Protein backbone atom coordinates (compact mmCIF):
# COMPACT_ATOMS: atom_id res chain seq x y z
CA MET A 1 22.38 -122.63 -260.15
CA ASN A 2 21.33 -123.22 -256.56
CA VAL A 3 18.12 -124.92 -255.38
CA GLY A 4 16.31 -121.62 -254.77
CA GLU A 5 17.07 -120.27 -258.25
CA SER A 6 16.07 -123.57 -259.81
CA SER A 7 12.67 -123.52 -258.10
CA LYS A 8 12.07 -119.93 -259.23
CA TRP A 9 12.81 -120.86 -262.85
CA ARG A 10 10.57 -123.92 -262.53
CA ALA A 11 7.73 -121.78 -261.19
CA LEU A 12 8.22 -119.26 -264.01
CA LEU A 13 8.16 -122.00 -266.65
CA ASP A 14 5.02 -123.44 -265.08
CA ARG A 15 3.35 -120.03 -265.35
CA PHE A 16 4.26 -119.76 -269.02
CA GLU A 17 2.98 -123.27 -269.64
CA ARG A 18 -0.33 -122.54 -267.92
CA ALA A 19 -0.63 -119.28 -269.86
CA LYS A 20 -0.03 -121.16 -273.12
CA GLU A 21 -2.66 -123.78 -272.23
CA ASP A 22 -5.17 -121.09 -271.27
CA HIS A 23 -4.52 -119.22 -274.52
CA GLU A 24 -5.12 -122.37 -276.55
CA GLU A 25 -8.33 -123.14 -274.63
CA ARG A 26 -9.66 -119.62 -275.24
CA HIS A 27 -9.11 -120.01 -278.97
CA ARG A 28 -10.78 -123.35 -279.60
CA PRO A 29 -14.51 -124.21 -279.65
CA SER A 30 -15.94 -125.58 -276.43
CA GLY A 31 -17.80 -128.40 -278.18
CA PHE A 32 -21.26 -127.10 -277.21
CA GLU A 33 -24.01 -126.10 -279.58
CA PHE A 34 -25.93 -122.89 -278.99
CA ALA A 35 -29.38 -121.37 -279.40
CA LEU A 36 -29.15 -117.57 -279.04
CA ALA A 37 -32.08 -115.16 -278.79
CA SER A 38 -33.00 -111.61 -277.87
CA ARG A 39 -36.47 -112.65 -276.60
CA ILE A 40 -37.06 -115.41 -274.11
CA ASP A 41 -40.10 -116.71 -276.03
CA SER A 42 -37.88 -117.31 -279.07
CA LEU A 43 -36.16 -120.19 -277.29
CA ASN A 44 -37.62 -123.63 -276.64
CA PRO A 45 -39.68 -122.96 -273.47
CA ALA A 46 -39.55 -126.58 -272.28
CA HIS A 47 -35.77 -126.63 -272.54
CA TRP A 48 -35.39 -123.30 -270.72
CA ASP A 49 -37.79 -124.34 -267.96
CA ALA A 50 -35.99 -127.67 -267.49
CA GLN A 51 -32.71 -125.86 -266.89
CA THR A 52 -34.15 -123.19 -264.57
CA ALA A 53 -36.70 -125.22 -262.58
CA SER A 54 -34.50 -125.26 -259.47
CA ALA A 55 -32.69 -121.99 -260.24
CA SER A 56 -33.42 -118.50 -258.99
CA ILE A 57 -36.72 -116.81 -259.77
CA PHE A 58 -34.61 -114.23 -261.63
CA MET A 59 -33.86 -116.92 -264.23
CA GLN A 60 -37.48 -117.93 -264.76
CA ARG A 61 -39.49 -116.88 -267.80
CA ARG A 62 -42.23 -115.18 -265.78
CA TYR A 63 -39.61 -112.79 -264.39
CA LEU A 64 -37.60 -112.34 -267.60
CA GLY A 65 -40.77 -111.37 -269.46
CA VAL A 66 -41.19 -108.44 -267.06
CA ILE A 67 -37.71 -107.16 -267.96
CA GLU A 68 -38.59 -107.36 -271.66
CA ARG A 69 -41.93 -105.59 -271.30
CA SER A 70 -41.19 -103.12 -268.50
CA GLY A 71 -37.41 -102.68 -268.39
CA PRO A 72 -35.65 -99.42 -269.30
CA PRO A 73 -35.42 -98.62 -273.04
CA GLY A 74 -31.61 -98.84 -273.17
CA LEU A 75 -31.38 -102.38 -271.82
CA GLN A 76 -31.46 -105.26 -274.32
CA PRO A 77 -31.93 -108.81 -273.02
CA ARG A 78 -29.98 -111.67 -274.57
CA TYR A 79 -30.34 -115.39 -273.88
CA ALA A 80 -28.56 -118.62 -274.72
CA LEU A 81 -29.25 -122.32 -274.33
CA LEU A 82 -26.19 -124.56 -274.37
CA TYR A 83 -26.56 -128.07 -275.80
CA ARG A 84 -24.60 -131.28 -275.80
CA GLY A 85 -25.93 -132.50 -279.11
CA SER A 86 -29.71 -132.27 -278.72
CA VAL A 87 -29.65 -132.29 -274.90
CA PRO A 88 -29.72 -128.91 -273.12
CA ALA A 89 -26.89 -128.44 -270.62
CA ALA A 90 -27.32 -124.87 -269.32
CA ALA A 91 -29.28 -121.64 -269.69
CA LEU A 92 -27.57 -118.26 -269.85
CA ASN A 93 -29.27 -114.94 -269.11
CA MET A 94 -27.51 -111.82 -270.42
CA GLN A 95 -28.17 -108.08 -270.72
CA LEU A 96 -26.60 -105.61 -273.11
CA VAL A 97 -26.47 -102.03 -271.86
CA GLU A 98 -24.75 -98.77 -272.73
CA LEU A 99 -23.55 -96.95 -269.65
CA ALA A 100 -22.50 -93.34 -269.21
CA GLY A 101 -19.72 -92.48 -266.80
CA SER A 102 -22.24 -90.63 -264.64
CA GLN A 103 -24.07 -93.94 -264.07
CA LEU A 104 -20.91 -95.57 -262.76
CA VAL A 105 -19.76 -92.54 -260.78
CA ASN A 106 -22.60 -90.34 -259.58
CA PRO A 107 -21.38 -86.74 -259.15
CA ALA A 108 -24.31 -86.09 -256.81
CA SER A 109 -23.41 -88.90 -254.41
CA ALA A 110 -20.58 -87.18 -252.55
CA PRO A 111 -20.40 -88.72 -249.05
CA ASP A 112 -20.64 -86.56 -245.97
CA ALA A 113 -18.05 -86.61 -243.22
CA ALA A 114 -19.88 -89.31 -241.31
CA ASP A 115 -20.14 -91.64 -244.30
CA GLY A 116 -17.83 -94.62 -243.76
CA SER A 117 -17.90 -95.75 -247.38
CA ALA A 118 -14.32 -96.20 -248.55
CA LEU A 119 -15.68 -96.96 -252.01
CA LYS A 120 -17.47 -93.62 -252.29
CA ARG A 121 -14.47 -91.72 -251.00
CA ALA A 122 -12.14 -93.44 -253.46
CA TRP A 123 -14.36 -92.75 -256.45
CA LYS A 124 -14.88 -89.16 -255.38
CA GLN A 125 -11.13 -88.62 -255.13
CA ALA A 126 -10.42 -90.36 -258.45
CA PHE A 127 -13.06 -88.38 -260.34
CA SER A 128 -12.99 -85.07 -258.46
CA GLY A 129 -11.67 -83.28 -261.56
CA TRP A 130 -14.38 -84.65 -263.83
CA SER A 131 -17.38 -82.51 -264.58
CA ALA A 132 -20.86 -84.00 -264.78
CA LYS A 133 -20.80 -83.26 -268.51
CA ALA A 134 -17.52 -85.13 -269.00
CA LEU A 135 -18.82 -88.14 -267.08
CA GLU A 136 -21.99 -88.12 -269.17
CA GLN A 137 -19.95 -88.18 -272.39
CA LEU A 138 -17.92 -91.20 -271.27
CA LYS A 139 -19.77 -94.17 -272.81
CA LEU A 140 -19.23 -97.89 -272.29
CA ARG A 141 -21.13 -100.73 -273.92
CA VAL A 142 -21.26 -103.71 -271.58
CA LEU A 143 -22.49 -107.28 -272.03
CA VAL A 144 -23.58 -108.62 -268.64
CA GLY A 145 -23.84 -112.28 -267.80
CA GLY A 146 -26.48 -111.93 -265.12
CA ASN A 147 -29.10 -109.43 -264.07
CA LEU A 148 -28.50 -105.73 -263.36
CA PHE A 149 -31.87 -105.60 -261.54
CA SER A 150 -30.74 -108.01 -258.84
CA TRP A 151 -27.72 -109.14 -256.89
CA GLY A 152 -26.49 -112.71 -256.75
CA PHE A 153 -25.68 -115.43 -259.27
CA HIS A 154 -28.58 -114.99 -261.69
CA GLY A 155 -26.82 -115.45 -265.01
CA VAL A 156 -26.47 -119.23 -265.40
CA ALA A 157 -28.65 -122.23 -264.62
CA PHE A 158 -27.02 -125.63 -265.01
CA GLY A 159 -28.93 -128.66 -266.22
CA PRO A 160 -29.68 -131.53 -263.82
CA GLY A 161 -26.56 -133.57 -263.20
CA GLU A 162 -24.28 -131.23 -265.15
CA ASP A 163 -20.73 -130.71 -263.95
CA GLU A 164 -20.25 -126.94 -263.63
CA LEU A 165 -16.56 -127.04 -264.48
CA SER A 166 -17.20 -128.75 -267.81
CA VAL A 167 -19.97 -126.27 -268.76
CA TRP A 168 -18.10 -123.02 -268.08
CA PRO A 169 -16.07 -123.13 -271.33
CA GLY A 170 -19.42 -123.19 -273.14
CA ILE A 171 -20.64 -120.20 -271.12
CA ALA A 172 -17.48 -118.27 -272.03
CA GLU A 173 -17.98 -119.18 -275.70
CA ALA A 174 -21.64 -118.09 -275.63
CA LEU A 175 -20.65 -114.71 -274.21
CA TYR A 176 -17.97 -114.42 -276.92
CA ARG A 177 -20.46 -115.30 -279.67
CA VAL A 178 -22.96 -112.69 -278.48
CA ARG A 179 -20.23 -110.05 -278.19
CA GLN A 180 -19.07 -110.76 -281.74
CA ALA A 181 -22.62 -110.64 -283.09
CA GLU A 182 -23.20 -107.25 -281.49
CA ARG A 183 -20.35 -105.66 -283.44
CA LEU A 184 -22.87 -104.75 -286.15
CA ALA A 185 -24.50 -102.33 -283.69
CA GLY A 186 -21.25 -101.13 -282.09
CA ARG A 187 -18.37 -102.59 -280.15
CA VAL A 188 -18.85 -104.19 -276.74
CA ASP A 189 -16.22 -102.69 -274.44
CA TYR A 190 -16.59 -105.03 -271.48
CA VAL A 191 -18.07 -108.42 -270.69
CA MET A 192 -19.15 -108.76 -267.07
CA VAL A 193 -20.21 -111.90 -265.19
CA LYS A 194 -22.00 -111.14 -261.91
CA ASP A 195 -22.16 -112.13 -258.99
CA LEU A 196 -20.15 -115.25 -258.20
CA ASP A 197 -20.06 -116.48 -254.62
CA ALA A 198 -18.18 -119.22 -252.81
CA ALA A 199 -20.59 -121.87 -254.13
CA HIS A 200 -19.41 -121.36 -257.70
CA GLU A 201 -15.66 -121.94 -257.43
CA PRO A 202 -15.59 -123.86 -260.78
CA GLY A 203 -16.78 -120.67 -262.46
CA VAL A 204 -14.06 -118.67 -260.75
CA GLN A 205 -11.35 -121.00 -262.06
CA ALA A 206 -12.81 -121.01 -265.57
CA LEU A 207 -13.17 -117.23 -265.78
CA LYS A 208 -9.56 -116.78 -264.71
CA ARG A 209 -8.46 -118.99 -267.61
CA TYR A 210 -10.51 -116.85 -269.98
CA SER A 211 -8.77 -113.64 -268.84
CA TYR A 212 -11.61 -112.34 -266.68
CA ARG A 213 -10.50 -110.24 -263.73
CA ALA A 214 -12.24 -110.17 -260.37
CA LEU A 215 -13.58 -107.01 -258.81
CA GLU A 216 -14.77 -107.22 -255.23
CA SER A 217 -18.09 -105.60 -254.51
CA ASP A 218 -19.93 -104.84 -251.31
CA PRO A 219 -21.29 -108.05 -249.79
CA ASP A 220 -24.86 -109.23 -249.79
CA MET A 221 -26.24 -108.76 -246.28
CA VAL A 222 -28.13 -111.92 -245.31
CA LEU A 223 -30.29 -112.53 -242.25
CA ALA A 224 -30.62 -116.22 -241.46
CA PHE A 225 -34.06 -116.97 -239.99
CA ARG A 226 -33.83 -119.14 -236.90
CA PRO A 227 -35.79 -122.42 -236.83
CA GLY A 228 -38.20 -121.11 -234.19
CA TRP A 229 -39.24 -118.05 -236.19
CA SER A 230 -42.54 -118.35 -238.02
CA ALA A 231 -43.77 -114.77 -237.64
CA TYR A 232 -42.38 -111.29 -237.05
CA ASP A 233 -43.14 -111.42 -233.31
CA ASP A 234 -40.76 -114.40 -233.04
CA TYR A 235 -37.97 -112.26 -234.48
CA LEU A 236 -38.77 -109.43 -232.07
CA SER A 237 -38.73 -111.81 -229.12
CA SER A 238 -35.23 -112.97 -230.05
CA LEU A 239 -33.79 -109.43 -229.87
CA ASN A 240 -32.01 -108.22 -226.78
CA ALA A 241 -33.68 -105.49 -224.74
CA LYS A 242 -31.74 -102.61 -226.33
CA TYR A 243 -32.62 -103.47 -229.92
CA ARG A 244 -36.20 -104.53 -229.15
CA LYS A 245 -36.83 -101.20 -227.43
CA ALA A 246 -35.46 -99.32 -230.44
CA VAL A 247 -37.69 -101.25 -232.85
CA LYS A 248 -40.81 -100.63 -230.77
CA LYS A 249 -39.98 -96.92 -230.70
CA PHE A 250 -40.13 -96.87 -234.51
CA ASP A 251 -43.81 -97.76 -234.36
CA LYS A 252 -44.55 -95.31 -231.55
CA ASP A 253 -42.94 -92.43 -233.43
CA LEU A 254 -44.79 -93.24 -236.65
CA GLN A 255 -48.13 -93.65 -234.88
CA ALA A 256 -47.67 -90.32 -233.12
CA ALA A 257 -47.18 -88.70 -236.54
CA GLY A 258 -50.38 -90.28 -237.89
CA CYS A 259 -48.60 -92.93 -239.97
CA THR A 260 -49.54 -96.55 -240.57
CA VAL A 261 -47.49 -99.49 -241.84
CA GLU A 262 -49.57 -101.69 -244.11
CA PRO A 263 -49.45 -103.98 -247.14
CA LEU A 264 -50.08 -102.50 -250.58
CA ALA A 265 -51.92 -104.80 -252.97
CA ASP A 266 -52.64 -102.58 -255.96
CA LEU A 267 -49.25 -101.29 -257.07
CA ARG A 268 -50.51 -100.11 -260.44
CA ALA A 269 -52.87 -97.58 -258.86
CA HIS A 270 -49.91 -96.12 -256.96
CA ALA A 271 -47.26 -96.54 -259.65
CA ALA A 272 -46.44 -92.83 -259.91
CA GLN A 273 -45.96 -92.43 -256.14
CA LEU A 274 -43.84 -95.58 -255.86
CA HIS A 275 -41.64 -94.52 -258.76
CA ALA A 276 -41.14 -91.01 -257.34
CA LEU A 277 -40.13 -92.47 -253.95
CA HIS A 278 -37.66 -94.87 -255.53
CA GLU A 279 -36.20 -92.08 -257.66
CA GLN A 280 -35.24 -90.25 -254.46
CA VAL A 281 -33.10 -93.26 -253.50
CA HIS A 282 -31.82 -93.85 -257.04
CA ARG A 283 -30.61 -90.27 -257.51
CA ARG A 284 -28.40 -90.56 -254.42
CA ALA A 285 -26.85 -93.94 -255.29
CA ALA A 286 -23.11 -93.97 -255.95
CA THR A 287 -23.62 -96.34 -258.90
CA ARG A 288 -26.79 -96.23 -261.01
CA MET A 289 -26.35 -98.83 -263.74
CA VAL A 290 -30.08 -99.23 -264.42
CA ALA A 291 -33.15 -97.19 -263.52
CA LEU A 292 -36.61 -98.57 -262.87
CA ALA A 293 -39.37 -97.76 -265.33
CA PRO A 294 -42.62 -96.62 -263.64
CA ASP A 295 -44.31 -99.82 -264.80
CA TYR A 296 -41.66 -102.25 -263.54
CA LEU A 297 -42.84 -102.92 -259.97
CA PRO A 298 -46.57 -103.16 -260.84
CA ALA A 299 -45.74 -105.54 -263.69
CA LEU A 300 -43.51 -107.61 -261.41
CA ALA A 301 -46.22 -107.83 -258.74
CA GLU A 302 -48.70 -109.08 -261.35
CA ALA A 303 -46.25 -111.64 -262.76
CA LEU A 304 -45.16 -113.08 -259.41
CA GLY A 305 -48.52 -113.03 -257.63
CA ALA A 306 -48.32 -114.65 -254.19
CA ASP A 307 -44.50 -114.64 -254.35
CA PHE A 308 -44.41 -110.83 -254.13
CA ARG A 309 -45.04 -108.42 -251.23
CA CYS A 310 -45.11 -104.65 -250.94
CA THR A 311 -45.35 -102.82 -247.61
CA VAL A 312 -45.77 -99.06 -247.28
CA VAL A 313 -45.55 -96.35 -244.65
CA ARG A 314 -48.64 -94.22 -245.20
CA ARG A 315 -49.72 -90.87 -243.78
CA GLY A 316 -53.29 -90.35 -244.92
CA PRO A 317 -53.32 -90.56 -248.72
CA GLU A 318 -49.57 -89.91 -248.91
CA LEU A 319 -47.02 -92.71 -249.18
CA LEU A 320 -43.85 -91.86 -247.25
CA GLY A 321 -42.02 -95.04 -248.22
CA PHE A 322 -42.31 -98.55 -249.56
CA VAL A 323 -40.34 -101.77 -249.61
CA THR A 324 -40.81 -104.86 -251.76
CA ALA A 325 -39.98 -108.49 -251.07
CA LEU A 326 -40.14 -111.56 -253.25
CA LYS A 327 -39.82 -115.28 -252.67
CA ASP A 328 -36.81 -116.87 -254.37
CA GLY A 329 -37.00 -120.48 -253.25
CA GLU A 330 -36.04 -120.58 -249.57
CA THR A 331 -34.65 -117.05 -249.77
CA ALA A 332 -36.72 -113.92 -249.36
CA VAL A 333 -35.22 -111.01 -251.29
CA GLY A 334 -35.63 -107.57 -249.76
CA TYR A 335 -35.94 -105.99 -253.18
CA TYR A 336 -36.49 -102.37 -254.23
CA ILE A 337 -37.15 -99.65 -251.69
CA GLY A 338 -38.12 -95.99 -251.86
CA PHE A 339 -38.82 -93.32 -249.29
CA ASP A 340 -39.23 -89.60 -248.81
CA TYR A 341 -35.91 -88.25 -247.55
CA ALA A 342 -37.49 -85.16 -246.04
CA ALA A 343 -39.92 -87.26 -244.00
CA ASN A 344 -37.12 -89.63 -243.04
CA GLU A 345 -35.21 -86.79 -241.38
CA THR A 346 -37.80 -86.64 -238.60
CA LEU A 347 -39.42 -90.09 -238.77
CA PRO A 348 -37.85 -93.59 -238.83
CA VAL A 349 -39.34 -94.42 -242.25
CA TYR A 350 -36.35 -96.27 -243.68
CA LEU A 351 -35.58 -98.21 -240.51
CA ARG A 352 -39.22 -99.28 -240.13
CA LEU A 353 -39.28 -100.48 -243.74
CA LEU A 354 -36.29 -102.71 -243.00
CA GLN A 355 -38.28 -104.28 -240.20
CA ALA A 356 -41.25 -104.71 -242.54
CA VAL A 357 -39.22 -106.71 -245.03
CA ILE A 358 -38.28 -109.16 -242.24
CA ALA A 359 -41.98 -109.65 -241.54
CA ASP A 360 -42.69 -110.16 -245.24
CA GLY A 361 -39.86 -112.67 -245.60
CA LEU A 362 -41.22 -114.73 -242.71
CA ALA A 363 -44.75 -114.51 -244.11
CA LEU A 364 -43.44 -115.89 -247.41
CA GLY A 365 -42.23 -118.98 -245.53
CA CYS A 366 -38.54 -118.44 -246.29
CA ARG A 367 -35.49 -119.48 -244.28
CA ARG A 368 -33.26 -116.50 -244.98
CA LEU A 369 -33.50 -112.89 -246.08
CA SER A 370 -31.18 -111.33 -248.64
CA LEU A 371 -31.00 -107.56 -248.15
CA GLY A 372 -28.48 -106.58 -250.81
CA ARG A 373 -25.30 -104.55 -250.89
CA THR A 374 -26.21 -101.08 -249.68
CA ALA A 375 -26.58 -99.57 -246.18
CA LEU A 376 -24.44 -102.22 -244.50
CA GLU A 377 -24.60 -100.70 -241.00
CA PRO A 378 -28.41 -100.64 -240.49
CA LYS A 379 -28.72 -104.11 -242.00
CA ALA A 380 -26.02 -105.43 -239.67
CA ARG A 381 -28.09 -104.06 -236.77
CA LEU A 382 -30.95 -106.30 -237.94
CA GLY A 383 -28.67 -109.32 -237.44
CA ALA A 384 -27.67 -109.71 -241.10
CA LYS A 385 -24.21 -111.04 -241.93
CA PRO A 386 -22.14 -110.37 -245.06
CA GLU A 387 -21.81 -112.92 -247.85
CA PRO A 388 -19.04 -111.93 -250.29
CA LEU A 389 -19.79 -111.49 -253.99
CA ARG A 390 -17.43 -110.92 -256.88
CA ILE A 391 -17.93 -109.40 -260.29
CA TRP A 392 -15.76 -110.75 -263.11
CA VAL A 393 -14.86 -108.43 -265.97
CA ARG A 394 -13.11 -108.91 -269.29
CA HIS A 395 -12.14 -106.17 -271.76
CA LYS A 396 -11.69 -106.90 -275.43
CA ASN A 397 -8.17 -105.45 -275.18
CA PRO A 398 -5.83 -107.80 -273.20
CA LEU A 399 -3.82 -104.85 -271.90
CA LEU A 400 -6.93 -103.31 -270.39
CA ASN A 401 -7.69 -106.63 -268.72
CA ILE A 402 -4.48 -106.13 -266.74
CA LEU A 403 -5.59 -102.57 -265.94
CA THR A 404 -8.92 -103.91 -264.68
CA HIS A 405 -7.00 -106.17 -262.29
CA HIS A 406 -5.13 -103.18 -260.86
CA LEU A 407 -8.36 -101.20 -260.42
CA GLN A 408 -9.04 -103.48 -257.46
CA ARG A 409 -6.29 -101.68 -255.53
CA ILE A 410 -7.76 -98.19 -255.98
CA VAL A 411 -11.46 -99.05 -255.75
CA PRO A 412 -11.95 -100.58 -252.28
CA HIS A 413 -15.25 -102.04 -251.19
CA ASP A 414 -16.97 -101.57 -247.89
CA SER A 415 -16.67 -104.08 -245.08
CA ALA A 416 -19.79 -104.85 -243.12
CA PRO A 417 -19.70 -104.06 -239.39
CA ASP A 418 -20.18 -106.90 -236.93
CA ARG A 419 -23.36 -106.43 -234.88
CA ASN A 420 -25.32 -108.87 -232.74
CA PRO A 421 -28.81 -107.68 -231.80
CA PHE A 422 -29.91 -111.02 -230.39
CA LYS A 423 -30.08 -112.39 -226.88
CA GLU A 424 -27.09 -114.50 -225.92
């Protein structure tokens, strides 16, 4: 046996050894103790708050209560606190949802010839022979570690001083325990952990050992606010002449059509209009895993108070579009949006709403603006840059875990264009 063959055999043996070690780790208790609940108020509030004090707003009880009270009927929250003895080590936010194939692949979202979305084209080709009825009959029950109403790592909050790598086996065990408990109501087909970024490499390594497979998604488009920006005019002044002229034209066109751009304080009084506008966007989305209830945004505005903003484009009594923003620590989140597609064909409603969310993010005193995964081109023109996110998925059948890995090859994700609207 020559040196090359020897090294190949050594590498193969190392792989088998690692696989054996991973298998043994997956099949032994993590050593943590667990408190599991289907309502956030059923857990020790002081313990949950201690774990999530410096975490995302999407992990805080004031937000999670909105999901419980005003989320869609088919979504069931689940929670876990992980303990080392009597000391809490981490908080885990989960959601159990049954999805139809038509929610994962929207038959009505066929891209037009100018649409550059490789993801949409690939799904359309893969499912071109499927009828809407067949897609509707395809059902999957999914346990999500994270939040389907947001993007970003909003599933786990680690306790102060905790080493992430040592906690992840407990997170995997908590997900396993919940999945096993749910068998009384029906099998859980997939467990999903969303959305890990570069800051959570320990989680990536742990999920690989537990047979989770990574699926790339579209990136989060993030606009970093420059130190000199304290108001929207500062952002406008930083744009080069071409982009600044285009932005100013948005306002001129809307004013000429009798439209105003203004804050909306009382969302509950306009709940029906806001919901109808968002539904226009939702119906066209390629993936529609969850739908907003009419009460969700008004309830969220009431729960978050000064940390929430809503800006609308109004023409008389009619709302042509809205955008929401919320404060998540130093990050402003450009959250849900809705607009009238017919009006948007002749007026820059959507593009002006994107500008409005920049103004709201600066007014909230944040240092960056997260704009989410969709519409990468117009967000790049704002100056936003992509931050990669990954979804990790595990099927109960090991063979289908391998299939999930190969799905990555046939389901490409979009790449954000590189745009620079700012002065050199």
